[in-house]
Amino acid sequence: MLPHQPDLAPLPDPPAEASTSRWCNVPVFVALGLASAAVGWGIGEYWEGPDIGPVTLSLALVLGIPGVLAVHEVGHVVGGRLARFQFALFIAGPLRIWREGERIRVGLNKSLALAGGLALSLPTDSANLRQRTALAVAGGPVASLLLGVAGVALGGAWGIIGIVSLGIAAVTLIPTTTSGFLTDGARLLRLAQGGGAADREAALLALVAESISGARPREWTPELVARSSVEPVPGDPLADSGWALATAVALDRGDAHATRDLLVRRIGVWETIPPATRGGLVGDAALFEAAVRGDAGQARTWLDRMPPRAVLADPAGQALVEAFVLRAEGDLDAARIQIGTARESLSGGLDEGMAVTRRDWLDALESTLDRQRESAA
C-alpha cells in the first residue's frame, strides 16, 4: 500500500518547457524529403557512372533514406532476438511500432527527435547481460554495414543507398549522444570498457529482468538496486533510470521520505533525461503528490506535464496515476473509471513485477473509494 504523509514538503515545480503543436514537425519531415529529392537530382545531373538520371536518384534517396534507417533499427531488433531479449519498440522515420501488453501496435511517429530511428528490446533473465546487450546494440551497425556493402556491390541507384547506409553505420559508431540517447558506439564503448557506468547499466538491465519475471520492486535484489542507483557521471543520459527503479522500490516499501528524496534527485537531472522518456518521472511525481501528500493541485500540475507521445506506451501507469489524482480532486466516479482502465491495461502486460504492485495500489484505492461512498450514503 502506498504511504500517506501529507506533512511532507511538496516537490519542486516541474521545470519550464515550451509546448509545441503535435503537427509542428510535419513541415520538417516534408522539408527533409524535398531536400533528399534535391540531393538526388543534383547527384543524378553530375553522375559519371552508369546512366541513372536525376529522377531515379531522387526517388532512390527519398525512399531509400527511410529504408536505410529502418534496416539499421531492424538490425537492433534482430540482435535483440539473438540475445534472447523481448521486443518493445521500433521507430524509423515516420513509422512507430511498439509492444503494448501482448499486442504489437503500429502508428505514426510525430517526434522529429526520434525520426533518426530507435529500437528497444528488454531482457527476460539476467544471464551474461553485458555480452548480450552488446550483441543487441551491435546489430544496428552490422545491418547498416551489410546493406552498404551489398548496395555498393550492386551499383547504380543501389550504390547510392549503399553509400548512405555505410555513412549511417559510421555515424552511429561515433561515441556521443543524440536527442539525449547514447549512440551505438557510445554504448558499445561503455560496455567494452566496463567500470562504473557499464556496471550500472548491467544492474539496470538485471532489475528489468527480475521485474519482468514477476518480482515486485520490494523483492528486487538489494545489491542490484544499490548498483543501479549510484551517483551517475554528470550528463549521463541514464542518470534517471536507476533512480526511477529505486523510486519504485521506495514506494512499494511505503517509504515516503526515501521516495521524496529520490524524486528531488531526478528532478535535478531533468535536462539530461531524453524528453521523450520524461513521462516516467512526471508520473511518479504526480503519484507522490496525489497519493502520498494528498495535494491535488500539485499532482495535477505534474500530470499536465505528461509528454503526449511517450516512447514506451504505459497506459496502465498513466491510468493509475490519473485515478489517484482524480481521487485527490474529489472526482470519485472518474477515478473509478480510470481504475478500470488501469486494470484492463495491466492484463497480459510485459512487466509482471510492476503489474503485481500496481494491482495492490489499485485495490487499496478502490477500497478507499468504497469507504468514502459508504460514509457519504
Protein backbone atom coordinates (compact mmCIF):
# COMPACT_ATOMS: atom_id res chain seq x y z
CA MET A 1 0.00 0.00 0.00
CA LEU A 2 1.25 3.48 -0.83
CA PRO A 3 2.33 5.61 2.14
CA HIS A 4 0.29 8.68 3.14
CA GLN A 5 2.22 11.55 4.71
CA PRO A 6 0.60 14.91 3.92
CA ASP A 7 3.07 16.74 6.18
CA LEU A 8 5.97 16.18 3.74
CA ALA A 9 7.19 19.19 1.79
CA PRO A 10 5.97 19.39 -1.83
CA LEU A 11 8.28 18.53 -4.67
CA PRO A 12 9.93 21.33 -6.64
CA ASP A 13 7.75 22.53 -9.51
CA PRO A 14 8.37 20.86 -12.88
CA PRO A 15 10.98 22.73 -14.94
CA ALA A 16 9.58 25.09 -17.55
CA GLU A 17 9.32 23.64 -21.02
CA ALA A 18 7.98 25.15 -24.21
CA SER A 19 4.92 23.44 -25.61
CA THR A 20 4.68 22.57 -29.28
CA SER A 21 1.88 21.56 -31.59
CA ARG A 22 1.59 17.85 -32.29
CA TRP A 23 1.82 18.64 -36.02
CA CYS A 24 4.73 21.07 -35.79
CA ASN A 25 7.21 18.51 -37.11
CA VAL A 26 5.25 17.67 -40.27
CA PRO A 27 6.80 20.54 -42.29
CA VAL A 28 10.23 19.39 -41.16
CA PHE A 29 9.60 15.84 -42.39
CA VAL A 30 8.37 17.27 -45.72
CA ALA A 31 11.43 19.52 -45.94
CA LEU A 32 13.75 16.57 -45.32
CA GLY A 33 12.01 14.64 -48.08
CA LEU A 34 12.34 17.55 -50.51
CA ALA A 35 15.99 18.01 -49.55
CA SER A 36 16.67 14.33 -50.23
CA ALA A 37 14.98 14.67 -53.60
CA ALA A 38 17.07 17.76 -54.41
CA VAL A 39 20.30 15.98 -53.45
CA GLY A 40 19.32 13.01 -55.58
CA TRP A 41 18.54 15.29 -58.52
CA GLY A 42 21.88 17.04 -58.17
CA ILE A 43 23.81 13.78 -57.98
CA GLY A 44 21.90 12.49 -60.99
CA GLU A 45 22.82 15.55 -63.05
CA TYR A 46 26.55 15.10 -62.43
CA TRP A 47 26.67 11.29 -62.05
CA GLU A 48 29.52 9.90 -64.12
CA GLY A 49 28.78 6.24 -63.61
CA PRO A 50 26.00 4.19 -65.23
CA ASP A 51 23.16 6.27 -66.68
CA ILE A 52 20.68 6.57 -63.82
CA GLY A 53 19.18 10.00 -64.19
CA PRO A 54 18.17 12.60 -61.62
CA VAL A 55 14.59 11.37 -61.25
CA THR A 56 15.68 7.85 -60.39
CA LEU A 57 18.28 9.08 -57.93
CA SER A 58 15.81 11.47 -56.30
CA LEU A 59 13.35 8.63 -55.77
CA ALA A 60 16.17 6.40 -54.54
CA LEU A 61 17.11 8.89 -51.82
CA VAL A 62 13.55 9.88 -50.85
CA LEU A 63 12.52 6.24 -50.48
CA GLY A 64 15.93 4.87 -49.63
CA ILE A 65 16.93 7.00 -46.65
CA PRO A 66 13.93 5.91 -44.52
CA GLY A 67 14.65 2.36 -45.66
CA VAL A 68 18.30 2.64 -44.64
CA LEU A 69 17.25 3.89 -41.19
CA ALA A 70 14.71 1.08 -40.91
CA VAL A 71 17.32 -1.56 -41.80
CA HIS A 72 19.62 -0.19 -39.07
CA GLU A 73 16.87 -0.45 -36.45
CA VAL A 74 15.79 -3.87 -37.69
CA GLY A 75 19.38 -4.91 -37.06
CA HIS A 76 18.93 -3.92 -33.42
CA VAL A 77 15.71 -5.93 -33.22
CA VAL A 78 17.42 -8.98 -34.75
CA GLY A 79 20.37 -8.52 -32.40
CA GLY A 80 17.93 -8.38 -29.50
CA ARG A 81 16.30 -11.61 -30.61
CA LEU A 82 19.71 -13.29 -30.89
CA ALA A 83 20.44 -12.04 -27.37
CA ARG A 84 17.13 -13.55 -26.16
CA PHE A 85 15.62 -10.12 -25.43
CA GLN A 86 11.93 -9.33 -25.92
CA PHE A 87 10.92 -6.71 -28.47
CA ALA A 88 9.47 -3.47 -27.04
CA LEU A 89 9.81 -0.61 -29.55
CA PHE A 90 10.81 0.22 -33.14
CA ILE A 91 10.94 3.71 -34.68
CA ALA A 92 12.30 4.63 -38.11
CA GLY A 93 11.37 7.93 -39.75
CA PRO A 94 7.59 8.33 -39.52
CA LEU A 95 6.99 4.67 -38.58
CA ARG A 96 6.44 3.61 -34.97
CA ILE A 97 5.85 0.00 -33.85
CA TRP A 98 5.61 -0.92 -30.18
CA ARG A 99 4.54 -3.66 -27.82
CA GLU A 100 1.53 -2.96 -25.65
CA GLY A 101 0.94 -5.97 -23.41
CA GLU A 102 0.72 -8.97 -25.71
CA ARG A 103 -0.22 -6.83 -28.71
CA ILE A 104 2.03 -5.21 -31.31
CA ARG A 105 0.78 -1.75 -32.28
CA VAL A 106 1.66 0.25 -35.40
CA GLY A 107 1.37 4.03 -35.62
CA LEU A 108 2.89 7.29 -36.80
CA ASN A 109 5.99 8.77 -35.19
CA LYS A 110 5.44 12.52 -34.85
CA SER A 111 8.65 13.23 -32.94
CA LEU A 112 11.41 14.72 -35.07
CA ALA A 113 13.94 13.95 -32.32
CA LEU A 114 13.29 10.23 -32.83
CA ALA A 115 12.95 10.27 -36.62
CA GLY A 116 16.53 9.02 -36.98
CA GLY A 117 15.44 5.71 -35.51
CA LEU A 118 15.20 3.89 -32.21
CA ALA A 119 14.81 0.24 -31.26
CA LEU A 120 14.39 -1.28 -27.82
CA SER A 121 14.34 -4.87 -26.62
CA LEU A 122 14.32 -5.91 -22.96
CA PRO A 123 15.92 -8.89 -21.21
CA THR A 124 13.78 -11.51 -19.52
CA ASP A 125 16.66 -13.01 -17.50
CA SER A 126 19.94 -11.70 -16.08
CA ALA A 127 22.49 -14.16 -17.53
CA ASN A 128 25.53 -12.57 -19.26
CA LEU A 129 23.75 -9.26 -19.65
CA ARG A 130 26.75 -7.17 -20.69
CA GLN A 131 27.63 -9.50 -23.54
CA ARG A 132 24.02 -9.94 -24.66
CA THR A 133 23.39 -6.20 -24.53
CA ALA A 134 26.46 -5.61 -26.68
CA LEU A 135 25.06 -8.10 -29.22
CA ALA A 136 21.74 -6.24 -29.38
CA VAL A 137 23.50 -2.88 -29.73
CA ALA A 138 25.92 -4.11 -32.40
CA GLY A 139 23.07 -5.46 -34.53
CA GLY A 140 22.26 -1.99 -35.92
CA PRO A 141 25.72 -1.04 -37.26
CA VAL A 142 26.24 -4.57 -38.57
CA ALA A 143 22.97 -4.39 -40.53
CA SER A 144 23.95 -1.00 -41.96
CA LEU A 145 27.37 -2.29 -42.96
CA LEU A 146 25.87 -5.35 -44.69
CA LEU A 147 23.37 -3.21 -46.60
CA GLY A 148 26.12 -0.75 -47.50
CA VAL A 149 28.45 -3.39 -48.89
CA ALA A 150 25.60 -5.06 -50.81
CA GLY A 151 24.41 -1.73 -52.24
CA VAL A 152 27.86 -0.68 -53.41
CA ALA A 153 28.39 -4.11 -54.99
CA LEU A 154 25.11 -3.86 -56.92
CA GLY A 155 25.93 -0.37 -58.17
CA GLY A 156 23.59 2.13 -59.80
CA ALA A 157 20.94 3.63 -57.53
CA TRP A 158 21.64 0.82 -55.06
CA GLY A 159 25.19 2.09 -54.88
CA ILE A 160 23.98 5.48 -53.61
CA ILE A 161 21.81 3.77 -51.00
CA GLY A 162 24.79 1.62 -50.05
CA ILE A 163 26.96 4.69 -49.53
CA VAL A 164 24.25 6.26 -47.34
CA SER A 165 23.99 3.04 -45.31
CA LEU A 166 27.75 2.94 -44.79
CA GLY A 167 27.54 6.56 -43.63
CA ILE A 168 24.81 5.65 -41.14
CA ALA A 169 26.99 2.84 -39.78
CA ALA A 170 29.94 5.21 -39.38
CA VAL A 171 27.90 7.98 -37.72
CA THR A 172 26.17 5.67 -35.23
CA LEU A 173 29.52 4.19 -34.20
CA ILE A 174 30.79 7.63 -33.12
CA PRO A 175 30.67 7.60 -29.28
CA THR A 176 28.37 10.54 -28.44
CA THR A 177 24.72 11.33 -27.62
CA THR A 178 21.84 12.26 -29.93
CA SER A 179 18.48 13.59 -28.70
CA GLY A 180 19.54 12.57 -25.20
CA PHE A 181 20.29 8.94 -26.12
CA LEU A 182 23.72 7.29 -26.30
CA THR A 183 24.80 6.29 -29.81
CA ASP A 184 25.59 2.67 -30.57
CA GLY A 185 29.29 3.48 -30.46
CA ALA A 186 28.98 5.10 -27.04
CA ARG A 187 27.09 2.14 -25.62
CA LEU A 188 29.47 -0.42 -27.09
CA LEU A 189 32.44 1.53 -25.75
CA ARG A 190 30.85 1.74 -22.30
CA LEU A 191 30.11 -1.98 -22.24
CA ALA A 192 33.59 -2.89 -23.50
CA GLN A 193 35.43 -0.66 -21.02
CA GLY A 194 33.50 -1.92 -18.02
CA GLY A 195 33.75 0.16 -14.87
CA GLY A 196 31.03 2.03 -13.00
CA ALA A 197 28.91 3.14 -15.96
CA ALA A 198 28.84 -0.33 -17.52
CA ASP A 199 28.16 -1.93 -14.14
CA ARG A 200 25.29 0.50 -13.59
CA GLU A 201 23.74 -0.33 -16.95
CA ALA A 202 24.12 -4.07 -16.35
CA ALA A 203 22.46 -3.72 -12.94
CA LEU A 204 19.60 -1.76 -14.53
CA LEU A 205 19.03 -4.49 -17.09
CA ALA A 206 19.20 -7.19 -14.40
CA LEU A 207 16.49 -5.40 -12.40
CA VAL A 208 14.34 -5.13 -15.51
CA ALA A 209 14.75 -8.89 -15.98
CA GLU A 210 13.75 -9.54 -12.34
CA SER A 211 10.66 -7.37 -12.71
CA ILE A 212 9.61 -8.99 -15.99
CA SER A 213 9.99 -12.40 -14.33
CA GLY A 214 7.41 -11.37 -11.70
CA ALA A 215 9.38 -9.95 -8.74
CA ARG A 216 7.77 -6.80 -7.39
CA PRO A 217 10.08 -3.83 -6.56
CA ARG A 218 10.44 -4.54 -2.83
CA GLU A 219 11.60 -8.06 -3.73
CA TRP A 220 14.32 -6.96 -6.14
CA THR A 221 17.90 -7.84 -5.24
CA PRO A 222 19.12 -5.02 -2.92
CA GLU A 223 22.67 -5.19 -4.33
CA LEU A 224 21.36 -4.59 -7.85
CA VAL A 225 19.21 -1.69 -6.67
CA ALA A 226 22.24 -0.13 -4.98
CA ARG A 227 24.47 -0.62 -8.04
CA SER A 228 21.89 0.82 -10.41
CA SER A 229 21.24 3.92 -8.32
CA VAL A 230 24.78 5.08 -7.56
CA GLU A 231 25.55 8.72 -8.31
CA PRO A 232 25.90 8.93 -12.11
CA VAL A 233 28.51 10.78 -14.09
CA PRO A 234 27.24 14.33 -14.76
CA GLY A 235 25.30 14.45 -18.02
CA ASP A 236 24.76 10.67 -18.18
CA PRO A 237 21.58 10.02 -20.24
CA LEU A 238 20.86 7.06 -17.92
CA ALA A 239 21.01 9.29 -14.83
CA ASP A 240 17.28 8.97 -14.15
CA SER A 241 16.92 5.27 -14.91
CA GLY A 242 18.48 3.79 -11.77
CA TRP A 243 16.80 6.34 -9.51
CA ALA A 244 13.47 5.57 -11.22
CA LEU A 245 13.78 1.91 -10.24
CA ALA A 246 14.83 2.90 -6.71
CA THR A 247 11.73 5.12 -6.54
CA ALA A 248 9.56 2.10 -7.36
CA VAL A 249 11.26 0.18 -4.53
CA ALA A 250 10.72 3.02 -2.03
CA LEU A 251 7.05 3.37 -2.96
CA ASP A 252 6.47 -0.39 -2.74
CA ARG A 253 8.09 -0.42 0.71
CA GLY A 254 5.97 2.52 1.85
CA ASP A 255 9.00 4.74 2.49
CA ALA A 256 7.67 8.24 1.80
CA HIS A 257 10.86 10.09 2.79
CA ALA A 258 13.08 7.99 0.54
CA THR A 259 10.58 8.41 -2.30
CA ARG A 260 10.67 12.19 -1.99
CA ASP A 261 14.48 12.29 -1.80
CA LEU A 262 14.77 10.21 -4.98
CA LEU A 263 12.22 12.33 -6.84
CA VAL A 264 14.09 15.51 -5.91
CA ARG A 265 17.29 13.96 -7.30
CA ARG A 266 15.52 13.01 -10.50
CA ILE A 267 14.04 16.47 -10.97
CA GLY A 268 17.56 17.81 -10.53
CA VAL A 269 18.73 15.92 -13.64
CA TRP A 270 15.65 16.82 -15.71
CA GLU A 271 17.73 18.29 -18.53
CA THR A 272 19.74 15.07 -19.00
CA ILE A 273 16.60 12.91 -19.38
CA PRO A 274 15.62 12.43 -23.03
CA PRO A 275 12.41 14.49 -23.47
CA ALA A 276 10.57 11.52 -24.95
CA THR A 277 11.16 9.45 -21.78
CA ARG A 278 10.35 12.06 -19.11
CA GLY A 279 6.90 10.55 -18.68
CA GLY A 280 8.17 8.16 -16.00
CA LEU A 281 9.37 10.98 -13.77
CA VAL A 282 6.25 13.05 -14.41
CA GLY A 283 4.00 10.11 -13.48
CA ASP A 284 5.95 9.27 -10.33
CA ALA A 285 5.91 12.91 -9.19
CA ALA A 286 2.14 13.21 -9.80
CA LEU A 287 1.55 9.93 -7.93
CA PHE A 288 3.63 11.12 -4.98
CA GLU A 289 1.76 14.42 -4.72
CA ALA A 290 -1.67 12.77 -5.07
CA ALA A 291 -1.28 9.56 -3.08
CA VAL A 292 1.45 10.37 -0.56
CA ARG A 293 0.86 14.08 0.14
CA GLY A 294 -2.78 14.32 -0.94
CA ASP A 295 -2.09 17.60 -2.75
CA ALA A 296 -4.46 17.63 -5.72
CA GLY A 297 -3.17 20.92 -7.11
CA GLN A 298 0.49 19.89 -7.19
CA ALA A 299 -0.45 16.47 -8.54
CA ARG A 300 -2.40 17.99 -11.42
CA THR A 301 0.44 20.44 -12.14
CA TRP A 302 2.78 17.50 -12.64
CA LEU A 303 0.30 15.35 -14.55
CA ASP A 304 -0.34 18.16 -17.01
CA ARG A 305 3.34 17.88 -17.98
CA MET A 306 2.94 14.28 -19.15
CA PRO A 307 4.52 14.01 -22.63
CA PRO A 308 1.70 13.41 -25.14
CA ARG A 309 3.76 10.87 -27.10
CA ALA A 310 5.87 8.80 -24.73
CA VAL A 311 8.43 6.50 -26.33
CA LEU A 312 7.14 3.49 -24.44
CA ALA A 313 3.37 3.39 -24.12
CA ASP A 314 2.36 2.81 -20.49
CA PRO A 315 -1.43 3.11 -20.48
CA ALA A 316 -1.73 1.21 -17.20
CA GLY A 317 0.67 3.54 -15.39
CA GLN A 318 -0.95 6.67 -16.78
CA ALA A 319 -4.45 5.49 -15.89
CA LEU A 320 -3.31 4.55 -12.36
CA VAL A 321 -1.78 7.98 -11.76
CA GLU A 322 -4.86 9.69 -13.21
CA ALA A 323 -7.06 7.67 -10.83
CA PHE A 324 -5.11 8.81 -7.77
CA VAL A 325 -5.11 12.42 -8.96
CA LEU A 326 -8.88 12.36 -9.58
CA ARG A 327 -9.47 10.89 -6.13
CA ALA A 328 -7.39 13.68 -4.59
CA GLU A 329 -9.50 16.17 -6.57
CA GLY A 330 -12.71 14.58 -5.24
CA ASP A 331 -13.96 13.19 -8.57
CA LEU A 332 -14.62 9.67 -7.31
CA ASP A 333 -16.67 8.43 -10.28
CA ALA A 334 -13.98 9.45 -12.78
CA ALA A 335 -11.37 7.82 -10.53
CA ARG A 336 -13.28 4.52 -10.68
CA ILE A 337 -13.32 4.69 -14.48
CA GLN A 338 -9.54 5.14 -14.55
CA ILE A 339 -9.12 2.23 -12.11
CA GLY A 340 -10.99 0.03 -14.59
CA THR A 341 -8.84 1.29 -17.45
CA ALA A 342 -5.66 0.59 -15.50
CA ARG A 343 -6.76 -2.94 -14.58
CA GLU A 344 -7.62 -3.73 -18.18
CA SER A 345 -4.26 -2.40 -19.39
CA LEU A 346 -2.37 -4.46 -16.81
CA SER A 347 -3.78 -7.70 -18.19
CA GLY A 348 -1.14 -9.55 -20.20
CA GLY A 349 1.50 -6.83 -19.80
CA LEU A 350 5.22 -7.35 -20.20
CA ASP A 351 6.31 -6.21 -16.71
CA GLU A 352 4.60 -8.62 -14.31
CA GLY A 353 6.50 -7.41 -11.24
CA MET A 354 5.22 -3.84 -11.57
CA ALA A 355 1.79 -5.22 -12.52
CA VAL A 356 1.54 -7.03 -9.17
CA THR A 357 2.47 -3.83 -7.33
CA ARG A 358 0.06 -1.68 -9.30
CA ARG A 359 -2.81 -4.10 -8.70
CA ASP A 360 -2.21 -3.76 -4.97
CA TRP A 361 -2.27 0.03 -5.24
CA LEU A 362 -5.47 -0.09 -7.28
CA ASP A 363 -7.09 -2.47 -4.77
CA ALA A 364 -6.22 -0.09 -1.92
CA LEU A 365 -7.54 2.92 -3.85
CA GLU A 366 -10.77 1.12 -4.72
CA SER A 367 -11.28 0.18 -1.05
CA THR A 368 -10.79 3.84 -0.11
CA LEU A 369 -13.38 4.91 -2.66
CA ASP A 370 -15.81 2.28 -1.32
CA ARG A 371 -15.40 3.61 2.23
CA GLN A 372 -15.91 7.17 1.05
CA ARG A 373 -19.08 6.20 -0.78
CA GLU A 374 -20.44 4.33 2.25
CA SER A 375 -19.71 7.24 4.59
CA ALA A 376 -21.46 9.63 2.20
CA ALA A 377 -24.55 7.39 1.95
